[in-house]
Amino acid sequence: MKKVLLGCGLVVVVVAVLLVMAVMGSYNRLVTLEESVKTAWSQVENVYQRRADLVPNLVETVKGAAAFEKDTFTAVTEARAKVGQMTLGKLPNAAEMQQFQAAQDGLSSALSRLLVVVEKYPELKATQAFRDLQVQIEGTENRIAVERRRFNEAAQAFNTLRRRFPTVIVASLFGFAEKPYFQAAPGSDKAPQVKF
């Protein structure tokens, strides 16, 4: 009888140890993926900051080369100010992400209007400083797209693991929340109309 109890006790201890190891493994994997999401988010903020830093240079270059369309300058300046006022935590929740994305979309729209207005001024397009800044803005926009994609991939990896069984239990126990994704701006599924 004593051997049976000892055997049962040993089985319980082994099962408990295996269960603790499984929980630890799930927890550690969630932590690793959450840090990947945070790193990807930091890189997204980095490229958006790069764009915000370039905008004043672009505006000043355009102002210096042509005096036109005060409303366009105002729109770009106001959009950049909104972006500059955004303060987010280490990793935004869905509502903060939506606000952040709206501010960034506003800046993208204002920059697009500025570049369209510039098309009317061939002498401006011919200046080397403007061409250099335009290349920098285009490169930055491409970097933003890449980093947003990487962030979405990191969030997807985290969210996928978080929803899998038994990790979903560990995630619930330790408060690992689902990570939001970047989404396309409304209307971006339609091709823009170019009019000359």
N, C-alpha and C. Protein backbone atom coordinates (compact mmCIF):
# COMPACT_ATOMS: atom_id res chain seq x y z
N MET A 1 0.82 -1.18 0.00
CA MET A 1 0.00 0.00 0.00
C MET A 1 0.87 1.26 0.00
N LYS A 2 1.96 1.19 0.77
CA LYS A 2 2.86 2.32 0.86
C LYS A 2 3.51 2.60 -0.49
N LYS A 3 3.85 1.54 -1.24
CA LYS A 3 4.47 1.69 -2.56
C LYS A 3 3.49 2.32 -3.54
N VAL A 4 2.22 1.97 -3.45
CA VAL A 4 1.20 2.53 -4.34
C VAL A 4 1.05 4.03 -4.08
N LEU A 5 1.00 4.41 -2.80
CA LEU A 5 0.89 5.83 -2.45
C LEU A 5 2.12 6.60 -2.90
N LEU A 6 3.28 6.01 -2.73
CA LEU A 6 4.52 6.63 -3.15
C LEU A 6 4.54 6.79 -4.67
N GLY A 7 4.08 5.77 -5.38
CA GLY A 7 4.00 5.82 -6.85
C GLY A 7 3.03 6.90 -7.31
N CYS A 8 1.87 6.98 -6.67
CA CYS A 8 0.87 8.00 -7.01
C CYS A 8 1.42 9.40 -6.72
N GLY A 9 2.09 9.52 -5.59
CA GLY A 9 2.68 10.81 -5.22
C GLY A 9 3.74 11.24 -6.22
N LEU A 10 4.54 10.28 -6.69
CA LEU A 10 5.57 10.56 -7.68
C LEU A 10 4.94 10.99 -9.00
N VAL A 11 3.87 10.33 -9.41
CA VAL A 11 3.16 10.68 -10.64
C VAL A 11 2.60 12.10 -10.53
N VAL A 12 2.02 12.44 -9.39
CA VAL A 12 1.46 13.78 -9.18
C VAL A 12 2.57 14.83 -9.26
N VAL A 13 3.71 14.55 -8.65
CA VAL A 13 4.83 15.48 -8.67
C VAL A 13 5.34 15.67 -10.10
N VAL A 14 5.48 14.58 -10.84
CA VAL A 14 5.95 14.66 -12.24
C VAL A 14 4.97 15.46 -13.08
N VAL A 15 3.66 15.20 -12.92
CA VAL A 15 2.64 15.95 -13.68
C VAL A 15 2.69 17.43 -13.30
N ALA A 16 2.84 17.72 -12.01
CA ALA A 16 2.91 19.11 -11.56
C ALA A 16 4.14 19.81 -12.14
N VAL A 17 5.27 19.13 -12.14
CA VAL A 17 6.50 19.71 -12.69
C VAL A 17 6.33 19.96 -14.19
N LEU A 18 5.75 19.01 -14.90
CA LEU A 18 5.51 19.18 -16.34
C LEU A 18 4.56 20.35 -16.61
N LEU A 19 3.53 20.46 -15.78
CA LEU A 19 2.57 21.55 -15.92
C LEU A 19 3.24 22.90 -15.67
N VAL A 20 4.04 23.00 -14.63
CA VAL A 20 4.77 24.24 -14.34
C VAL A 20 5.72 24.58 -15.48
N MET A 21 6.40 23.58 -16.02
CA MET A 21 7.32 23.82 -17.14
C MET A 21 6.57 24.30 -18.37
N ALA A 22 5.40 23.74 -18.63
CA ALA A 22 4.59 24.17 -19.77
C ALA A 22 4.14 25.62 -19.59
N VAL A 23 3.70 25.96 -18.38
CA VAL A 23 3.27 27.34 -18.10
C VAL A 23 4.46 28.29 -18.26
N MET A 24 5.62 27.91 -17.73
CA MET A 24 6.81 28.74 -17.86
C MET A 24 7.20 28.93 -19.32
N GLY A 25 7.14 27.86 -20.08
CA GLY A 25 7.48 27.95 -21.51
C GLY A 25 6.53 28.88 -22.26
N SER A 26 5.23 28.74 -21.99
CA SER A 26 4.25 29.62 -22.64
C SER A 26 4.46 31.06 -22.23
N TYR A 27 4.66 31.28 -20.95
CA TYR A 27 4.88 32.64 -20.44
C TYR A 27 6.12 33.26 -21.09
N ASN A 28 7.22 32.51 -21.10
CA ASN A 28 8.46 33.03 -21.67
C ASN A 28 8.33 33.32 -23.16
N ARG A 29 7.61 32.49 -23.88
CA ARG A 29 7.40 32.72 -25.32
C ARG A 29 6.54 33.97 -25.53
N LEU A 30 5.52 34.16 -24.70
CA LEU A 30 4.69 35.37 -24.80
C LEU A 30 5.52 36.62 -24.52
N VAL A 31 6.39 36.55 -23.51
CA VAL A 31 7.25 37.69 -23.19
C VAL A 31 8.17 38.00 -24.37
N THR A 32 8.75 36.98 -24.95
CA THR A 32 9.65 37.16 -26.09
C THR A 32 8.92 37.82 -27.26
N LEU A 33 7.74 37.32 -27.58
CA LEU A 33 6.99 37.88 -28.70
C LEU A 33 6.47 39.28 -28.38
N GLU A 34 6.11 39.53 -27.13
CA GLU A 34 5.66 40.88 -26.77
C GLU A 34 6.81 41.87 -26.92
N GLU A 35 8.00 41.46 -26.56
CA GLU A 35 9.17 42.33 -26.74
C GLU A 35 9.44 42.56 -28.23
N SER A 36 9.19 41.56 -29.06
CA SER A 36 9.34 41.75 -30.51
C SER A 36 8.34 42.78 -31.02
N VAL A 37 7.12 42.74 -30.50
CA VAL A 37 6.11 43.72 -30.89
C VAL A 37 6.56 45.12 -30.44
N LYS A 38 7.07 45.24 -29.22
CA LYS A 38 7.54 46.53 -28.72
C LYS A 38 8.69 47.06 -29.57
N THR A 39 9.60 46.17 -29.95
CA THR A 39 10.72 46.58 -30.79
C THR A 39 10.23 47.06 -32.15
N ALA A 40 9.30 46.32 -32.73
CA ALA A 40 8.74 46.71 -34.02
C ALA A 40 8.02 48.05 -33.90
N TRP A 41 7.30 48.26 -32.80
CA TRP A 41 6.60 49.52 -32.59
C TRP A 41 7.60 50.67 -32.47
N SER A 42 8.70 50.45 -31.77
CA SER A 42 9.72 51.49 -31.63
C SER A 42 10.28 51.87 -32.99
N GLN A 43 10.44 50.90 -33.86
CA GLN A 43 10.96 51.19 -35.19
C GLN A 43 9.93 51.96 -36.02
N VAL A 44 8.65 51.65 -35.85
CA VAL A 44 7.60 52.42 -36.52
C VAL A 44 7.68 53.88 -36.06
N GLU A 45 7.77 54.09 -34.75
CA GLU A 45 7.88 55.46 -34.24
C GLU A 45 9.14 56.15 -34.77
N ASN A 46 10.21 55.40 -34.91
CA ASN A 46 11.46 55.95 -35.41
C ASN A 46 11.30 56.50 -36.83
N VAL A 47 10.68 55.73 -37.71
CA VAL A 47 10.55 56.21 -39.09
C VAL A 47 9.51 57.34 -39.19
N TYR A 48 8.49 57.31 -38.35
CA TYR A 48 7.55 58.43 -38.33
C TYR A 48 8.26 59.69 -37.82
N GLN A 49 9.13 59.54 -36.84
CA GLN A 49 9.89 60.70 -36.35
C GLN A 49 10.81 61.23 -37.44
N ARG A 50 11.38 60.34 -38.20
CA ARG A 50 12.24 60.77 -39.32
C ARG A 50 11.44 61.64 -40.27
N ARG A 51 10.22 61.20 -40.58
CA ARG A 51 9.37 61.99 -41.48
C ARG A 51 9.03 63.33 -40.84
N ALA A 52 8.67 63.31 -39.57
CA ALA A 52 8.33 64.56 -38.89
C ALA A 52 9.51 65.53 -38.88
N ASP A 53 10.72 65.01 -38.79
CA ASP A 53 11.91 65.86 -38.82
C ASP A 53 12.18 66.41 -40.21
N LEU A 54 11.83 65.66 -41.25
CA LEU A 54 12.06 66.10 -42.62
C LEU A 54 11.05 67.15 -43.08
N VAL A 55 9.84 67.10 -42.55
CA VAL A 55 8.77 67.97 -43.03
C VAL A 55 9.13 69.45 -42.91
N PRO A 56 9.64 69.92 -41.76
CA PRO A 56 9.99 71.36 -41.70
C PRO A 56 11.03 71.75 -42.76
N ASN A 57 11.98 70.87 -43.02
CA ASN A 57 12.98 71.15 -44.05
C ASN A 57 12.35 71.24 -45.42
N LEU A 58 11.42 70.34 -45.70
CA LEU A 58 10.72 70.37 -46.98
C LEU A 58 9.93 71.65 -47.12
N VAL A 59 9.20 72.02 -46.09
CA VAL A 59 8.37 73.23 -46.13
C VAL A 59 9.26 74.46 -46.32
N GLU A 60 10.35 74.55 -45.59
CA GLU A 60 11.24 75.71 -45.72
C GLU A 60 11.87 75.77 -47.10
N THR A 61 12.23 74.64 -47.65
CA THR A 61 12.81 74.61 -49.00
C THR A 61 11.80 75.09 -50.01
N VAL A 62 10.58 74.60 -49.89
CA VAL A 62 9.53 75.00 -50.82
C VAL A 62 9.22 76.49 -50.64
N LYS A 63 9.13 76.96 -49.41
CA LYS A 63 8.87 78.37 -49.16
C LYS A 63 9.97 79.24 -49.77
N GLY A 64 11.20 78.80 -49.62
CA GLY A 64 12.31 79.58 -50.13
C GLY A 64 12.35 79.63 -51.64
N ALA A 65 11.85 78.64 -52.30
CA ALA A 65 11.92 78.58 -53.76
C ALA A 65 10.69 79.16 -54.42
N ALA A 66 9.58 79.25 -53.73
CA ALA A 66 8.36 79.79 -54.33
C ALA A 66 7.43 80.31 -53.25
N ALA A 67 6.79 81.43 -53.55
CA ALA A 67 5.82 81.99 -52.61
C ALA A 67 4.44 81.65 -53.15
N PHE A 68 3.78 80.67 -52.54
CA PHE A 68 2.48 80.25 -53.05
C PHE A 68 1.70 79.49 -52.00
N GLU A 69 0.43 79.41 -52.18
CA GLU A 69 -0.48 78.53 -51.46
C GLU A 69 -0.23 78.43 -49.96
N LYS A 70 -0.49 79.54 -49.29
CA LYS A 70 -0.30 79.58 -47.84
C LYS A 70 -1.11 78.50 -47.14
N ASP A 71 -2.29 78.19 -47.65
CA ASP A 71 -3.13 77.16 -47.03
C ASP A 71 -2.44 75.81 -46.99
N THR A 72 -1.70 75.50 -48.02
CA THR A 72 -1.00 74.22 -48.07
C THR A 72 0.07 74.16 -46.98
N PHE A 73 0.82 75.24 -46.83
CA PHE A 73 1.84 75.28 -45.77
C PHE A 73 1.19 75.14 -44.40
N THR A 74 0.09 75.84 -44.23
CA THR A 74 -0.62 75.78 -42.95
C THR A 74 -1.09 74.37 -42.65
N ALA A 75 -1.64 73.70 -43.67
CA ALA A 75 -2.14 72.33 -43.47
C ALA A 75 -0.99 71.38 -43.09
N VAL A 76 0.14 71.51 -43.76
CA VAL A 76 1.29 70.65 -43.44
C VAL A 76 1.80 70.93 -42.03
N THR A 77 1.91 72.21 -41.70
CA THR A 77 2.40 72.59 -40.37
C THR A 77 1.47 72.10 -39.27
N GLU A 78 0.16 72.27 -39.47
CA GLU A 78 -0.81 71.82 -38.47
C GLU A 78 -0.80 70.30 -38.34
N ALA A 79 -0.72 69.60 -39.46
CA ALA A 79 -0.69 68.12 -39.41
C ALA A 79 0.56 67.65 -38.68
N ARG A 80 1.69 68.28 -38.95
CA ARG A 80 2.92 67.89 -38.26
C ARG A 80 2.81 68.18 -36.76
N ALA A 81 2.17 69.30 -36.42
CA ALA A 81 1.99 69.64 -35.00
C ALA A 81 1.14 68.58 -34.31
N LYS A 82 0.09 68.11 -34.96
CA LYS A 82 -0.75 67.06 -34.37
C LYS A 82 0.05 65.79 -34.12
N VAL A 83 0.88 65.46 -35.10
CA VAL A 83 1.73 64.27 -34.95
C VAL A 83 2.70 64.47 -33.79
N GLY A 84 3.25 65.67 -33.68
CA GLY A 84 4.19 65.96 -32.60
C GLY A 84 3.56 65.93 -31.22
N GLN A 85 2.26 66.19 -31.14
CA GLN A 85 1.57 66.20 -29.86
C GLN A 85 1.17 64.81 -29.40
N MET A 86 1.22 63.83 -30.29
CA MET A 86 0.83 62.46 -29.93
C MET A 86 1.85 61.89 -28.95
N THR A 87 1.36 61.46 -27.82
CA THR A 87 2.22 60.77 -26.86
C THR A 87 1.60 59.41 -26.58
N LEU A 88 2.39 58.40 -26.83
CA LEU A 88 1.92 57.04 -26.64
C LEU A 88 2.82 56.33 -25.65
N GLY A 89 2.27 55.32 -25.03
CA GLY A 89 3.06 54.49 -24.13
C GLY A 89 4.01 53.62 -24.94
N LYS A 90 4.66 52.71 -24.26
CA LYS A 90 5.58 51.80 -24.93
C LYS A 90 4.90 51.04 -26.06
N LEU A 91 3.65 50.66 -25.83
CA LEU A 91 2.90 49.92 -26.84
C LEU A 91 1.45 50.36 -26.73
N PRO A 92 0.90 50.98 -27.79
CA PRO A 92 -0.44 51.54 -27.70
C PRO A 92 -1.53 50.47 -27.71
N ASN A 93 -2.66 50.82 -27.10
CA ASN A 93 -3.82 49.94 -27.21
C ASN A 93 -4.54 50.29 -28.50
N ALA A 94 -5.65 49.63 -28.79
CA ALA A 94 -6.34 49.81 -30.06
C ALA A 94 -6.81 51.25 -30.27
N ALA A 95 -7.35 51.89 -29.24
CA ALA A 95 -7.85 53.26 -29.38
C ALA A 95 -6.69 54.23 -29.63
N GLU A 96 -5.59 54.08 -28.89
CA GLU A 96 -4.42 54.93 -29.10
C GLU A 96 -3.84 54.72 -30.49
N MET A 97 -3.83 53.46 -30.93
CA MET A 97 -3.31 53.16 -32.26
C MET A 97 -4.15 53.86 -33.32
N GLN A 98 -5.45 53.90 -33.14
CA GLN A 98 -6.35 54.54 -34.09
C GLN A 98 -6.08 56.05 -34.13
N GLN A 99 -5.90 56.68 -32.97
CA GLN A 99 -5.60 58.11 -32.92
C GLN A 99 -4.25 58.40 -33.57
N PHE A 100 -3.26 57.58 -33.27
CA PHE A 100 -1.94 57.74 -33.85
C PHE A 100 -2.00 57.63 -35.37
N GLN A 101 -2.71 56.62 -35.83
CA GLN A 101 -2.81 56.40 -37.26
C GLN A 101 -3.55 57.56 -37.94
N ALA A 102 -4.60 58.10 -37.30
CA ALA A 102 -5.34 59.23 -37.86
C ALA A 102 -4.43 60.45 -38.00
N ALA A 103 -3.61 60.72 -36.98
CA ALA A 103 -2.69 61.85 -37.05
C ALA A 103 -1.67 61.65 -38.16
N GLN A 104 -1.13 60.45 -38.28
CA GLN A 104 -0.15 60.17 -39.33
C GLN A 104 -0.79 60.24 -40.73
N ASP A 105 -2.03 59.76 -40.85
CA ASP A 105 -2.74 59.85 -42.13
C ASP A 105 -2.97 61.31 -42.51
N GLY A 106 -3.25 62.16 -41.52
CA GLY A 106 -3.42 63.59 -41.79
C GLY A 106 -2.15 64.21 -42.33
N LEU A 107 -1.01 63.83 -41.75
CA LEU A 107 0.26 64.35 -42.23
C LEU A 107 0.56 63.82 -43.63
N SER A 108 0.27 62.57 -43.88
CA SER A 108 0.48 62.01 -45.23
C SER A 108 -0.36 62.76 -46.26
N SER A 109 -1.59 63.04 -45.91
CA SER A 109 -2.49 63.76 -46.81
C SER A 109 -1.97 65.17 -47.09
N ALA A 110 -1.53 65.87 -46.04
CA ALA A 110 -1.01 67.22 -46.21
C ALA A 110 0.25 67.22 -47.07
N LEU A 111 1.13 66.25 -46.85
CA LEU A 111 2.34 66.14 -47.68
C LEU A 111 1.99 65.87 -49.13
N SER A 112 1.00 65.03 -49.36
CA SER A 112 0.57 64.75 -50.73
C SER A 112 0.08 66.01 -51.41
N ARG A 113 -0.72 66.82 -50.68
CA ARG A 113 -1.20 68.08 -51.25
C ARG A 113 -0.05 69.02 -51.56
N LEU A 114 0.94 69.06 -50.67
CA LEU A 114 2.11 69.91 -50.89
C LEU A 114 2.85 69.47 -52.15
N LEU A 115 3.05 68.18 -52.30
CA LEU A 115 3.77 67.70 -53.48
C LEU A 115 2.99 67.91 -54.76
N VAL A 116 1.65 67.85 -54.70
CA VAL A 116 0.82 68.12 -55.88
C VAL A 116 0.92 69.59 -56.26
N VAL A 117 0.89 70.48 -55.26
CA VAL A 117 1.00 71.91 -55.53
C VAL A 117 2.35 72.22 -56.16
N VAL A 118 3.38 71.54 -55.70
CA VAL A 118 4.73 71.76 -56.22
C VAL A 118 4.80 71.46 -57.71
N GLU A 119 3.98 70.54 -58.18
CA GLU A 119 3.98 70.19 -59.61
C GLU A 119 3.71 71.42 -60.48
N LYS A 120 3.04 72.43 -59.92
CA LYS A 120 2.72 73.64 -60.68
C LYS A 120 3.92 74.56 -60.84
N TYR A 121 5.00 74.28 -60.11
CA TYR A 121 6.13 75.19 -60.10
C TYR A 121 7.40 74.48 -60.57
N PRO A 122 7.62 74.46 -61.90
CA PRO A 122 8.78 73.73 -62.43
C PRO A 122 10.11 74.24 -61.90
N GLU A 123 10.22 75.55 -61.61
CA GLU A 123 11.49 76.07 -61.09
C GLU A 123 11.81 75.49 -59.72
N LEU A 124 10.76 75.16 -58.95
CA LEU A 124 10.97 74.56 -57.64
C LEU A 124 11.47 73.12 -57.79
N LYS A 125 10.85 72.38 -58.71
CA LYS A 125 11.26 70.99 -58.91
C LYS A 125 12.69 70.90 -59.39
N ALA A 126 13.17 71.98 -60.02
CA ALA A 126 14.52 71.96 -60.57
C ALA A 126 15.59 72.19 -59.51
N THR A 127 15.22 72.69 -58.34
CA THR A 127 16.25 72.96 -57.33
C THR A 127 16.74 71.65 -56.72
N GLN A 128 18.02 71.56 -56.53
CA GLN A 128 18.63 70.34 -56.00
C GLN A 128 18.14 70.05 -54.58
N ALA A 129 18.00 71.10 -53.78
CA ALA A 129 17.57 70.89 -52.39
C ALA A 129 16.18 70.26 -52.35
N PHE A 130 15.30 70.73 -53.20
CA PHE A 130 13.95 70.17 -53.21
C PHE A 130 13.98 68.72 -53.69
N ARG A 131 14.74 68.46 -54.74
CA ARG A 131 14.82 67.08 -55.25
C ARG A 131 15.36 66.15 -54.18
N ASP A 132 16.38 66.60 -53.46
CA ASP A 132 16.95 65.78 -52.39
C ASP A 132 15.93 65.49 -51.30
N LEU A 133 15.20 66.53 -50.89
CA LEU A 133 14.18 66.33 -49.86
C LEU A 133 13.05 65.44 -50.35
N GLN A 134 12.67 65.60 -51.60
CA GLN A 134 11.60 64.76 -52.15
C GLN A 134 12.02 63.29 -52.13
N VAL A 135 13.26 63.03 -52.47
CA VAL A 135 13.78 61.66 -52.43
C VAL A 135 13.77 61.14 -51.00
N GLN A 136 14.17 62.00 -50.04
CA GLN A 136 14.16 61.61 -48.64
C GLN A 136 12.74 61.29 -48.15
N ILE A 137 11.78 62.13 -48.55
CA ILE A 137 10.38 61.90 -48.15
C ILE A 137 9.88 60.59 -48.76
N GLU A 138 10.16 60.36 -50.02
CA GLU A 138 9.74 59.11 -50.66
C GLU A 138 10.37 57.90 -49.97
N GLY A 139 11.66 58.01 -49.67
CA GLY A 139 12.33 56.92 -48.97
C GLY A 139 11.74 56.68 -47.60
N THR A 140 11.41 57.77 -46.91
CA THR A 140 10.82 57.65 -45.58
C THR A 140 9.45 56.99 -45.65
N GLU A 141 8.66 57.37 -46.63
CA GLU A 141 7.32 56.77 -46.78
C GLU A 141 7.47 55.26 -47.04
N ASN A 142 8.46 54.88 -47.83
CA ASN A 142 8.70 53.45 -48.06
C ASN A 142 9.12 52.75 -46.77
N ARG A 143 9.98 53.41 -45.99
CA ARG A 143 10.41 52.84 -44.71
C ARG A 143 9.22 52.68 -43.76
N ILE A 144 8.34 53.67 -43.77
CA ILE A 144 7.15 53.59 -42.92
C ILE A 144 6.33 52.37 -43.30
N ALA A 145 6.12 52.17 -44.59
CA ALA A 145 5.34 51.01 -45.04
C ALA A 145 6.00 49.71 -44.60
N VAL A 146 7.32 49.62 -44.74
CA VAL A 146 8.05 48.41 -44.34
C VAL A 146 7.93 48.17 -42.84
N GLU A 147 8.14 49.22 -42.04
CA GLU A 147 8.09 49.05 -40.59
C GLU A 147 6.69 48.77 -40.08
N ARG A 148 5.67 49.34 -40.74
CA ARG A 148 4.30 49.02 -40.36
C ARG A 148 4.01 47.55 -40.65
N ARG A 149 4.51 47.06 -41.78
CA ARG A 149 4.32 45.65 -42.12
C ARG A 149 5.03 44.77 -41.09
N ARG A 150 6.24 45.13 -40.72
CA ARG A 150 6.97 44.35 -39.72
C ARG A 150 6.26 44.37 -38.37
N PHE A 151 5.71 45.53 -38.00
CA PHE A 151 4.96 45.61 -36.75
C PHE A 151 3.75 44.69 -36.82
N ASN A 152 3.03 44.73 -37.93
CA ASN A 152 1.85 43.85 -38.07
C ASN A 152 2.25 42.39 -38.00
N GLU A 153 3.39 42.04 -38.58
CA GLU A 153 3.86 40.65 -38.52
C GLU A 153 4.19 40.25 -37.09
N ALA A 154 4.85 41.15 -36.34
CA ALA A 154 5.17 40.86 -34.94
C ALA A 154 3.90 40.74 -34.10
N ALA A 155 2.95 41.64 -34.35
CA ALA A 155 1.67 41.58 -33.63
C ALA A 155 0.92 40.30 -33.97
N GLN A 156 0.98 39.90 -35.24
CA GLN A 156 0.30 38.68 -35.65
C GLN A 156 0.92 37.45 -35.00
N ALA A 157 2.25 37.39 -34.92
CA ALA A 157 2.91 36.26 -34.27
C ALA A 157 2.52 36.19 -32.80
N PHE A 158 2.49 37.34 -32.13
CA PHE A 158 2.10 37.38 -30.73
C PHE A 158 0.65 36.95 -30.56
N ASN A 159 -0.24 37.56 -31.36
CA ASN A 159 -1.67 37.27 -31.24
C ASN A 159 -1.99 35.82 -31.56
N THR A 160 -1.29 35.24 -32.53
CA THR A 160 -1.51 33.84 -32.88
C THR A 160 -1.14 32.94 -31.71
N LEU A 161 0.04 33.16 -31.14
CA LEU A 161 0.45 32.35 -29.99
C LEU A 161 -0.49 32.57 -28.81
N ARG A 162 -0.86 33.81 -28.58
CA ARG A 162 -1.74 34.16 -27.46
C ARG A 162 -3.08 33.43 -27.55
N ARG A 163 -3.56 33.19 -28.74
CA ARG A 163 -4.87 32.55 -28.91
C ARG A 163 -4.80 31.03 -28.92
N ARG A 164 -3.61 30.47 -29.03
CA ARG A 164 -3.47 29.00 -29.07
C ARG A 164 -3.64 28.39 -27.69
N PHE A 165 -4.15 27.18 -27.69
CA PHE A 165 -4.30 26.44 -26.43
C PHE A 165 -3.02 25.68 -26.17
N PRO A 166 -2.50 25.65 -25.02
CA PRO A 166 -2.94 26.15 -23.71
C PRO A 166 -2.44 27.55 -23.39
N THR A 167 -1.72 28.18 -24.34
CA THR A 167 -1.15 29.50 -24.07
C THR A 167 -2.24 30.53 -23.77
N VAL A 168 -3.41 30.36 -24.33
CA VAL A 168 -4.50 31.30 -24.07
C VAL A 168 -4.81 31.36 -22.57
N ILE A 169 -4.66 30.26 -21.89
CA ILE A 169 -4.90 30.23 -20.44
C ILE A 169 -3.80 31.02 -19.72
N VAL A 170 -2.56 30.77 -20.11
CA VAL A 170 -1.43 31.49 -19.50
C VAL A 170 -1.56 32.99 -19.79
N ALA A 171 -1.91 33.34 -21.02
CA ALA A 171 -2.06 34.74 -21.39
C ALA A 171 -3.13 35.42 -20.56
N SER A 172 -4.22 34.73 -20.34
CA SER A 172 -5.31 35.29 -19.52
C SER A 172 -4.87 35.45 -18.06
N LEU A 173 -4.16 34.46 -17.55
CA LEU A 173 -3.71 34.51 -16.16
C LEU A 173 -2.75 35.67 -15.91
N PHE A 174 -1.87 35.93 -16.87
CA PHE A 174 -0.84 36.94 -16.68
C PHE A 174 -1.14 38.26 -17.37
N GLY A 175 -2.32 38.41 -17.94
CA GLY A 175 -2.75 39.70 -18.50
C GLY A 175 -2.12 40.11 -19.81
N PHE A 176 -1.75 39.15 -20.65
CA PHE A 176 -1.21 39.48 -21.96
C PHE A 176 -2.37 39.81 -22.90
N ALA A 177 -2.50 41.09 -23.26
CA ALA A 177 -3.61 41.54 -24.11
C ALA A 177 -3.24 41.40 -25.58
N GLU A 178 -4.26 41.26 -26.41
CA GLU A 178 -4.06 41.18 -27.85
C GLU A 178 -3.47 42.50 -28.34
N LYS A 179 -2.59 42.44 -29.33
CA LYS A 179 -1.94 43.63 -29.88
C LYS A 179 -2.70 44.11 -31.10
N PRO A 180 -2.89 45.45 -31.22
CA PRO A 180 -3.61 45.98 -32.38
C PRO A 180 -2.73 45.98 -33.63
N TYR A 181 -3.38 46.06 -34.77
CA TYR A 181 -2.69 46.11 -36.06
C TYR A 181 -2.84 47.49 -36.68
N PHE A 182 -1.90 47.84 -37.56
CA PHE A 182 -2.10 49.00 -38.41
C PHE A 182 -3.11 48.60 -39.47
N GLN A 183 -3.99 49.52 -39.83
CA GLN A 183 -4.99 49.24 -40.83
C GLN A 183 -4.88 50.30 -41.92
N ALA A 184 -5.32 49.96 -43.10
CA ALA A 184 -5.30 50.91 -44.20
C ALA A 184 -6.26 52.06 -43.91
N ALA A 185 -5.90 53.24 -44.37
CA ALA A 185 -6.77 54.41 -44.19
C ALA A 185 -8.04 54.21 -45.01
N PRO A 186 -9.16 54.73 -44.52
CA PRO A 186 -10.41 54.60 -45.29
C PRO A 186 -10.25 55.18 -46.69
N GLY A 187 -10.72 54.45 -47.67
CA GLY A 187 -10.65 54.90 -49.06
C GLY A 187 -9.36 54.56 -49.77
N SER A 188 -8.39 53.97 -49.05
CA SER A 188 -7.11 53.67 -49.69
C SER A 188 -7.21 52.47 -50.63
N ASP A 189 -8.35 51.79 -50.62
CA ASP A 189 -8.54 50.67 -51.53
C ASP A 189 -8.87 51.13 -52.95
N LYS A 190 -9.14 52.43 -53.11
CA LYS A 190 -9.44 53.00 -54.43
C LYS A 190 -8.21 53.73 -54.94
N ALA A 191 -7.94 53.56 -56.20
CA ALA A 191 -6.78 54.23 -56.80
C ALA A 191 -7.02 55.74 -56.83
N PRO A 192 -6.00 56.55 -56.50
CA PRO A 192 -6.19 57.99 -56.54
C PRO A 192 -6.31 58.48 -57.98
N GLN A 193 -7.10 59.52 -58.16
CA GLN A 193 -7.25 60.12 -59.48
C GLN A 193 -6.20 61.20 -59.66
N VAL A 194 -5.48 61.11 -60.75
CA VAL A 194 -4.47 62.10 -61.07
C VAL A 194 -5.01 62.98 -62.19
N LYS A 195 -5.06 64.28 -61.92
CA LYS A 195 -5.57 65.23 -62.92
C LYS A 195 -4.49 66.25 -63.24
N PHE A 196 -4.30 66.48 -64.52
CA PHE A 196 -3.32 67.48 -64.96
C PHE A 196 -4.02 68.65 -65.59
